[in-house]
């Protein structure tokens, strides 16, 4: 005979799995709708239809379109933060030994977010280009700004420490962090426009490798001795 308590646990586990599957299905549908129609033109009705659920089901888990957007963005921003923290640890423990390796770590941290979720990265690109942050609810906008600030602070801190250790030249770390981010976003967007997925992925990596090399050679102390390195 199966104990009643065990039967309850099994049923609860099944309900939890089904709930998580519905949430994931809604998020994936929202991602597709946001990417194809843009944030402003997307509706909860369209997201519900894409997810093959009713609109009340969507509202059961997400109070508004803003909440869906924030939930989609959070894993990507958390991934970038994790990669930057790993780079910071590598710098602190001496695993990053020169300026080229430091610049590579920064490029890799930002690009890793794209490789992990290219669709979500694309939504961020569109959002930035269209200056849509003002369309979000103040609390959601503030939360996203806070997450973005953490990541850029980490990047600037890495660059500052690299300057202190004599690995890179003295530069404005705010400007260089923005340049690196802009290069990655711009290259991804350009190659997506120009090429099919398979060829575009190869071109992205080749172009970003060149961009990384140029930045590293410009910033690295004694860059004349630096060697071309595999990256991205």
C-alpha atoms as a PDB file:
ATOM      1  CA  UNK A   1       0.000   0.000   0.000  1.00  0.00           C
ATOM      2  CA  UNK A   2       1.276   3.467  -0.938  1.00  0.00           C
ATOM      3  CA  UNK A   3       1.370   5.835   2.067  1.00  0.00           C
ATOM      4  CA  UNK A   4      -1.058   8.770   1.713  1.00  0.00           C
ATOM      5  CA  UNK A   5       1.692  11.247   2.439  1.00  0.00           C
ATOM      6  CA  UNK A   6       3.790   9.928  -0.444  1.00  0.00           C
ATOM      7  CA  UNK A   7       0.811  10.161  -2.791  1.00  0.00           C
ATOM      8  CA  UNK A   8       0.355  13.816  -1.797  1.00  0.00           C
ATOM      9  CA  UNK A   9       4.008  14.546  -2.439  1.00  0.00           C
ATOM     10  CA  UNK A  10       3.906  12.933  -5.890  1.00  0.00           C
ATOM     11  CA  UNK A  11       0.792  14.926  -6.829  1.00  0.00           C
ATOM     12  CA  UNK A  12       2.358  18.161  -5.596  1.00  0.00           C
ATOM     13  CA  UNK A  13       5.496  17.468  -7.612  1.00  0.00           C
ATOM     14  CA  UNK A  14       3.408  16.899 -10.734  1.00  0.00           C
ATOM     15  CA  UNK A  15       1.506  20.166 -10.195  1.00  0.00           C
ATOM     16  CA  UNK A  16       4.788  22.018  -9.715  1.00  0.00           C
ATOM     17  CA  UNK A  17       6.206  20.562 -12.934  1.00  0.00           C
ATOM     18  CA  UNK A  18       3.082  21.515 -14.860  1.00  0.00           C
ATOM     19  CA  UNK A  19       3.173  25.047 -13.433  1.00  0.00           C
ATOM     20  CA  UNK A  20       6.836  25.477 -14.368  1.00  0.00           C
ATOM     21  CA  UNK A  21       6.158  24.149 -17.856  1.00  0.00           C
ATOM     22  CA  UNK A  22       3.319  26.647 -18.334  1.00  0.00           C
ATOM     23  CA  UNK A  23       5.485  29.526 -17.119  1.00  0.00           C
ATOM     24  CA  UNK A  24       8.320  28.505 -19.436  1.00  0.00           C
ATOM     25  CA  UNK A  25       5.915  28.142 -22.347  1.00  0.00           C
ATOM     26  CA  UNK A  26       4.543  31.648 -21.728  1.00  0.00           C
ATOM     27  CA  UNK A  27       8.050  33.128 -21.485  1.00  0.00           C
ATOM     28  CA  UNK A  28       9.144  31.474 -24.719  1.00  0.00           C
ATOM     29  CA  UNK A  29       5.991  32.739 -26.436  1.00  0.00           C
ATOM     30  CA  UNK A  30       6.587  36.272 -25.123  1.00  0.00           C
ATOM     31  CA  UNK A  31      10.169  36.136 -26.368  1.00  0.00           C
ATOM     32  CA  UNK A  32       9.017  35.221 -29.877  1.00  0.00           C
ATOM     33  CA  UNK A  33       6.279  37.858 -29.936  1.00  0.00           C
ATOM     34  CA  UNK A  34       8.528  40.631 -28.559  1.00  0.00           C
ATOM     35  CA  UNK A  35      11.228  39.789 -31.089  1.00  0.00           C
ATOM     36  CA  UNK A  36       8.921  39.613 -34.112  1.00  0.00           C
ATOM     37  CA  UNK A  37       6.547  42.510 -33.355  1.00  0.00           C
ATOM     38  CA  UNK A  38       8.510  44.719 -31.008  1.00  0.00           C
ATOM     39  CA  UNK A  39       7.677  45.420 -27.387  1.00  0.00           C
ATOM     40  CA  UNK A  40       5.188  48.240 -27.916  1.00  0.00           C
ATOM     41  CA  UNK A  41       3.112  46.417 -30.527  1.00  0.00           C
ATOM     42  CA  UNK A  42       3.001  43.142 -28.618  1.00  0.00           C
ATOM     43  CA  UNK A  43      -0.117  42.335 -26.610  1.00  0.00           C
ATOM     44  CA  UNK A  44      -0.941  39.887 -23.871  1.00  0.00           C
ATOM     45  CA  UNK A  45      -3.585  38.394 -26.190  1.00  0.00           C
ATOM     46  CA  UNK A  46      -0.933  37.601 -28.789  1.00  0.00           C
ATOM     47  CA  UNK A  47       1.390  36.133 -26.175  1.00  0.00           C
ATOM     48  CA  UNK A  48      -1.430  33.947 -24.812  1.00  0.00           C
ATOM     49  CA  UNK A  49      -2.269  32.748 -28.318  1.00  0.00           C
ATOM     50  CA  UNK A  50       1.380  32.022 -29.089  1.00  0.00           C
ATOM     51  CA  UNK A  51       1.674  30.056 -25.835  1.00  0.00           C
ATOM     52  CA  UNK A  52      -1.631  28.267 -26.586  1.00  0.00           C
ATOM     53  CA  UNK A  53      -3.131  29.245 -23.242  1.00  0.00           C
ATOM     54  CA  UNK A  54      -5.881  31.620 -22.204  1.00  0.00           C
ATOM     55  CA  UNK A  55      -5.102  35.238 -21.327  1.00  0.00           C
ATOM     56  CA  UNK A  56      -6.264  34.704 -17.703  1.00  0.00           C
ATOM     57  CA  UNK A  57      -3.645  31.935 -17.493  1.00  0.00           C
ATOM     58  CA  UNK A  58      -0.938  34.406 -18.534  1.00  0.00           C
ATOM     59  CA  UNK A  59      -2.152  36.897 -15.931  1.00  0.00           C
ATOM     60  CA  UNK A  60      -2.094  34.157 -13.317  1.00  0.00           C
ATOM     61  CA  UNK A  61       1.706  34.218 -13.487  1.00  0.00           C
ATOM     62  CA  UNK A  62       2.522  37.673 -14.870  1.00  0.00           C
ATOM     63  CA  UNK A  63       0.672  40.826 -13.840  1.00  0.00           C
ATOM     64  CA  UNK A  64       1.614  42.793 -16.951  1.00  0.00           C
ATOM     65  CA  UNK A  65       3.720  42.806 -20.106  1.00  0.00           C
ATOM     66  CA  UNK A  66       6.460  44.556 -18.136  1.00  0.00           C
ATOM     67  CA  UNK A  67       6.732  41.610 -15.760  1.00  0.00           C
ATOM     68  CA  UNK A  68       7.188  39.253 -18.701  1.00  0.00           C
ATOM     69  CA  UNK A  69       9.911  41.478 -20.131  1.00  0.00           C
ATOM     70  CA  UNK A  70      11.742  41.702 -16.803  1.00  0.00           C
ATOM     71  CA  UNK A  71      11.553  37.930 -16.261  1.00  0.00           C
ATOM     72  CA  UNK A  72      13.023  37.369 -19.723  1.00  0.00           C
ATOM     73  CA  UNK A  73      15.869  39.847 -19.220  1.00  0.00           C
ATOM     74  CA  UNK A  74      16.898  38.722 -15.745  1.00  0.00           C
ATOM     75  CA  UNK A  75      18.651  35.414 -16.638  1.00  0.00           C
ATOM     76  CA  UNK A  76      20.696  37.108 -19.373  1.00  0.00           C
ATOM     77  CA  UNK A  77      21.802  39.927 -17.087  1.00  0.00           C
ATOM     78  CA  UNK A  78      22.556  37.454 -14.308  1.00  0.00           C
ATOM     79  CA  UNK A  79      24.661  35.392 -16.721  1.00  0.00           C
ATOM     80  CA  UNK A  80      26.735  38.431 -17.706  1.00  0.00           C
ATOM     81  CA  UNK A  81      27.200  39.278 -14.023  1.00  0.00           C
ATOM     82  CA  UNK A  82      28.361  35.737 -13.275  1.00  0.00           C
ATOM     83  CA  UNK A  83      30.902  35.826 -16.111  1.00  0.00           C
ATOM     84  CA  UNK A  84      32.240  39.193 -14.992  1.00  0.00           C
ATOM     85  CA  UNK A  85      32.562  37.966 -11.405  1.00  0.00           C
ATOM     86  CA  UNK A  86      34.523  34.946 -12.653  1.00  0.00           C
ATOM     87  CA  UNK A  87      36.822  37.297 -14.560  1.00  0.00           C
ATOM     88  CA  UNK A  88      37.265  39.434 -11.445  1.00  0.00           C
ATOM     89  CA  UNK A  89      38.223  36.350  -9.451  1.00  0.00           C
ATOM     90  CA  UNK A  90      40.695  35.281 -12.149  1.00  0.00           C
ATOM     91  CA  UNK A  91      42.295  38.726 -12.045  1.00  0.00           C
ATOM     92  CA  UNK A  92      42.508  38.666  -8.251  1.00  0.00           C
ATOM     93  CA  UNK A  93      44.126  35.213  -8.192  1.00  0.00           C
ATOM     94  CA  UNK A  94      46.631  36.014 -10.925  1.00  0.00           C
ATOM     95  CA  UNK A  95      45.118  33.813 -13.624  1.00  0.00           C
ATOM     96  CA  UNK A  96      44.760  36.897 -15.815  1.00  0.00           C
ATOM     97  CA  UNK A  97      48.385  37.860 -16.314  1.00  0.00           C
ATOM     98  CA  UNK A  98      48.323  40.561 -18.999  1.00  0.00           C
ATOM     99  CA  UNK A  99      46.166  43.243 -20.555  1.00  0.00           C
ATOM    100  CA  UNK A 100      45.220  41.121 -23.541  1.00  0.00           C
ATOM    101  CA  UNK A 101      43.782  38.436 -21.295  1.00  0.00           C
ATOM    102  CA  UNK A 102      41.851  41.079 -19.361  1.00  0.00           C
ATOM    103  CA  UNK A 103      40.262  42.537 -22.501  1.00  0.00           C
ATOM    104  CA  UNK A 104      39.491  39.012 -23.707  1.00  0.00           C
ATOM    105  CA  UNK A 105      37.727  38.269 -20.411  1.00  0.00           C
ATOM    106  CA  UNK A 106      35.551  41.363 -20.774  1.00  0.00           C
ATOM    107  CA  UNK A 107      34.584  40.564 -24.361  1.00  0.00           C
ATOM    108  CA  UNK A 108      33.893  36.959 -23.443  1.00  0.00           C
ATOM    109  CA  UNK A 109      31.710  37.890 -20.466  1.00  0.00           C
ATOM    110  CA  UNK A 110      29.403  40.080 -22.559  1.00  0.00           C
ATOM    111  CA  UNK A 111      29.394  37.747 -25.578  1.00  0.00           C
ATOM    112  CA  UNK A 112      28.596  34.731 -23.397  1.00  0.00           C
ATOM    113  CA  UNK A 113      25.209  36.292 -22.657  1.00  0.00           C
ATOM    114  CA  UNK A 114      24.471  36.389 -26.383  1.00  0.00           C
ATOM    115  CA  UNK A 115      25.556  32.787 -26.939  1.00  0.00           C
ATOM    116  CA  UNK A 116      23.412  31.641 -24.020  1.00  0.00           C
ATOM    117  CA  UNK A 117      20.256  33.379 -25.246  1.00  0.00           C
ATOM    118  CA  UNK A 118      20.556  35.084 -28.662  1.00  0.00           C
ATOM    119  CA  UNK A 119      16.807  35.793 -28.850  1.00  0.00           C
ATOM    120  CA  UNK A 120      16.769  37.607 -25.511  1.00  0.00           C
ATOM    121  CA  UNK A 121      19.924  39.485 -26.474  1.00  0.00           C
ATOM    122  CA  UNK A 122      18.145  40.577 -29.647  1.00  0.00           C
ATOM    123  CA  UNK A 123      15.254  41.955 -27.610  1.00  0.00           C
ATOM    124  CA  UNK A 124      17.692  44.001 -25.515  1.00  0.00           C
ATOM    125  CA  UNK A 125      19.221  45.368 -28.740  1.00  0.00           C
ATOM    126  CA  UNK A 126      15.816  46.460 -30.036  1.00  0.00           C
ATOM    127  CA  UNK A 127      14.898  47.959 -26.690  1.00  0.00           C
ATOM    128  CA  UNK A 128      18.059  50.047 -26.535  1.00  0.00           C
ATOM    129  CA  UNK A 129      17.802  51.197 -30.155  1.00  0.00           C
ATOM    130  CA  UNK A 130      14.204  52.312 -29.758  1.00  0.00           C
ATOM    131  CA  UNK A 131      14.818  53.897 -26.335  1.00  0.00           C
ATOM    132  CA  UNK A 132      11.892  52.054 -24.804  1.00  0.00           C
ATOM    133  CA  UNK A 133      13.014  52.009 -21.161  1.00  0.00           C
ATOM    134  CA  UNK A 134      10.623  54.878 -20.472  1.00  0.00           C
ATOM    135  CA  UNK A 135       7.725  52.658 -21.530  1.00  0.00           C
ATOM    136  CA  UNK A 136       8.296  50.286 -18.606  1.00  0.00           C
ATOM    137  CA  UNK A 137       6.701  50.679 -15.194  1.00  0.00           C
ATOM    138  CA  UNK A 138       8.973  52.666 -12.845  1.00  0.00           C
ATOM    139  CA  UNK A 139       9.658  49.685 -10.571  1.00  0.00           C
ATOM    140  CA  UNK A 140      10.561  47.399 -13.475  1.00  0.00           C
ATOM    141  CA  UNK A 141      12.685  50.102 -15.086  1.00  0.00           C
ATOM    142  CA  UNK A 142      14.500  50.701 -11.798  1.00  0.00           C
ATOM    143  CA  UNK A 143      15.136  46.971 -11.300  1.00  0.00           C
ATOM    144  CA  UNK A 144      16.593  46.598 -14.809  1.00  0.00           C
ATOM    145  CA  UNK A 145      18.698  49.731 -14.380  1.00  0.00           C
ATOM    146  CA  UNK A 146      20.054  48.347 -11.108  1.00  0.00           C
ATOM    147  CA  UNK A 147      21.022  45.049 -12.759  1.00  0.00           C
ATOM    148  CA  UNK A 148      22.661  46.866 -15.658  1.00  0.00           C
ATOM    149  CA  UNK A 149      24.515  49.154 -13.275  1.00  0.00           C
ATOM    150  CA  UNK A 150      25.918  46.163 -11.378  1.00  0.00           C
ATOM    151  CA  UNK A 151      27.324  44.674 -14.585  1.00  0.00           C
ATOM    152  CA  UNK A 152      28.859  47.887 -15.845  1.00  0.00           C
ATOM    153  CA  UNK A 153      30.309  48.605 -12.394  1.00  0.00           C
ATOM    154  CA  UNK A 154      31.918  45.152 -12.492  1.00  0.00           C
ATOM    155  CA  UNK A 155      33.371  45.835 -15.934  1.00  0.00           C
ATOM    156  CA  UNK A 156      34.725  49.208 -14.885  1.00  0.00           C
ATOM    157  CA  UNK A 157      36.146  47.699 -11.711  1.00  0.00           C
ATOM    158  CA  UNK A 158      38.003  45.102 -13.768  1.00  0.00           C
ATOM    159  CA  UNK A 159      39.467  47.803 -15.992  1.00  0.00           C
ATOM    160  CA  UNK A 160      40.410  49.955 -12.996  1.00  0.00           C
ATOM    161  CA  UNK A 161      42.188  47.027 -11.360  1.00  0.00           C
ATOM    162  CA  UNK A 162      43.959  46.289 -14.644  1.00  0.00           C
ATOM    163  CA  UNK A 163      45.270  49.870 -14.652  1.00  0.00           C
ATOM    164  CA  UNK A 164      46.389  49.583 -11.020  1.00  0.00           C
ATOM    165  CA  UNK A 165      48.261  46.352 -11.797  1.00  0.00           C
ATOM    166  CA  UNK A 166      49.960  47.933 -14.808  1.00  0.00           C
ATOM    167  CA  UNK A 167      48.282  45.566 -17.263  1.00  0.00           C
ATOM    168  CA  UNK A 168      46.599  48.272 -19.338  1.00  0.00           C
ATOM    169  CA  UNK A 169      47.144  51.963 -19.929  1.00  0.00           C
ATOM    170  CA  UNK A 170      45.400  54.659 -17.928  1.00  0.00           C
ATOM    171  CA  UNK A 171      42.105  55.322 -19.694  1.00  0.00           C
ATOM    172  CA  UNK A 172      38.589  56.436 -18.856  1.00  0.00           C
ATOM    173  CA  UNK A 173      37.087  53.117 -17.726  1.00  0.00           C
ATOM    174  CA  UNK A 174      33.524  54.395 -18.221  1.00  0.00           C
ATOM    175  CA  UNK A 175      34.207  55.122 -21.870  1.00  0.00           C
ATOM    176  CA  UNK A 176      36.079  51.882 -22.573  1.00  0.00           C
ATOM    177  CA  UNK A 177      33.384  49.736 -20.946  1.00  0.00           C
ATOM    178  CA  UNK A 178      30.786  51.471 -23.137  1.00  0.00           C
ATOM    179  CA  UNK A 179      32.967  50.996 -26.236  1.00  0.00           C
ATOM    180  CA  UNK A 180      33.325  47.263 -25.594  1.00  0.00           C
ATOM    181  CA  UNK A 181      29.574  46.836 -25.066  1.00  0.00           C
ATOM    182  CA  UNK A 182      28.766  48.927 -28.145  1.00  0.00           C
ATOM    183  CA  UNK A 183      31.189  46.921 -30.281  1.00  0.00           C
ATOM    184  CA  UNK A 184      29.653  43.609 -29.249  1.00  0.00           C
ATOM    185  CA  UNK A 185      26.066  44.787 -29.731  1.00  0.00           C
ATOM    186  CA  UNK A 186      26.880  46.484 -33.032  1.00  0.00           C
ATOM    187  CA  UNK A 187      28.774  43.542 -34.512  1.00  0.00           C
ATOM    188  CA  UNK A 188      26.046  41.076 -33.565  1.00  0.00           C
ATOM    189  CA  UNK A 189      23.378  43.285 -35.110  1.00  0.00           C
ATOM    190  CA  UNK A 190      25.364  43.907 -38.305  1.00  0.00           C
ATOM    191  CA  UNK A 191      26.190  40.257 -38.925  1.00  0.00           C
ATOM    192  CA  UNK A 192      22.602  39.215 -38.173  1.00  0.00           C
ATOM    193  CA  UNK A 193      21.436  41.590 -40.904  1.00  0.00           C
ATOM    194  CA  UNK A 194      24.069  40.511 -43.418  1.00  0.00           C
ATOM    195  CA  UNK A 195      24.163  36.754 -43.093  1.00  0.00           C
ATOM    196  CA  UNK A 196      22.355  33.477 -42.522  1.00  0.00           C
ATOM    197  CA  UNK A 197      22.553  31.978 -39.031  1.00  0.00           C
ATOM    198  CA  UNK A 198      25.463  29.597 -39.564  1.00  0.00           C
ATOM    199  CA  UNK A 199      27.631  31.975 -41.566  1.00  0.00           C
ATOM    200  CA  UNK A 200      26.578  34.918 -39.382  1.00  0.00           C
ATOM    201  CA  UNK A 201      27.741  33.155 -36.240  1.00  0.00           C
ATOM    202  CA  UNK A 202      31.178  32.606 -37.758  1.00  0.00           C
ATOM    203  CA  UNK A 203      31.411  36.197 -38.940  1.00  0.00           C
ATOM    204  CA  UNK A 204      30.377  37.485 -35.501  1.00  0.00           C
ATOM    205  CA  UNK A 205      33.167  35.582 -33.812  1.00  0.00           C
ATOM    206  CA  UNK A 206      35.786  36.563 -36.392  1.00  0.00           C
ATOM    207  CA  UNK A 207      34.802  40.236 -36.298  1.00  0.00           C
ATOM    208  CA  UNK A 208      34.631  40.329 -32.506  1.00  0.00           C
ATOM    209  CA  UNK A 209      38.002  38.621 -32.308  1.00  0.00           C
ATOM    210  CA  UNK A 210      39.453  41.396 -34.456  1.00  0.00           C
ATOM    211  CA  UNK A 211      37.735  44.080 -32.355  1.00  0.00           C
ATOM    212  CA  UNK A 212      39.072  42.510 -29.189  1.00  0.00           C
ATOM    213  CA  UNK A 213      42.585  42.355 -30.617  1.00  0.00           C
ATOM    214  CA  UNK A 214      42.501  46.012 -31.669  1.00  0.00           C
ATOM    215  CA  UNK A 215      41.259  47.150 -28.240  1.00  0.00           C
ATOM    216  CA  UNK A 216      43.846  44.969 -26.485  1.00  0.00           C
ATOM    217  CA  UNK A 217      46.702  46.297 -28.635  1.00  0.00           C
ATOM    218  CA  UNK A 218      45.583  49.873 -28.014  1.00  0.00           C
ATOM    219  CA  UNK A 219      45.364  49.434 -24.238  1.00  0.00           C
ATOM    220  CA  UNK A 220      47.968  46.858 -23.296  1.00  0.00           C
ATOM    221  CA  UNK A 221      51.239  48.014 -21.808  1.00  0.00           C
ATOM    222  CA  UNK A 222      54.131  47.094 -24.146  1.00  0.00           C
ATOM    223  CA  UNK A 223      51.556  46.034 -26.707  1.00  0.00           C
ATOM    224  CA  UNK A 224      54.255  45.580 -29.289  1.00  0.00           C
ATOM    225  CA  UNK A 225      55.134  42.316 -27.555  1.00  0.00           C
ATOM    226  CA  UNK A 226      51.573  41.072 -27.454  1.00  0.00           C
ATOM    227  CA  UNK A 227      50.647  38.024 -29.507  1.00  0.00           C
ATOM    228  CA  UNK A 228      47.532  37.376 -31.522  1.00  0.00           C
ATOM    229  CA  UNK A 229      45.333  35.205 -29.308  1.00  0.00           C
ATOM    230  CA  UNK A 230      42.355  32.995 -29.871  1.00  0.00           C
ATOM    231  CA  UNK A 231      39.252  34.530 -28.343  1.00  0.00           C
ATOM    232  CA  UNK A 232      35.483  34.616 -28.057  1.00  0.00           C
END
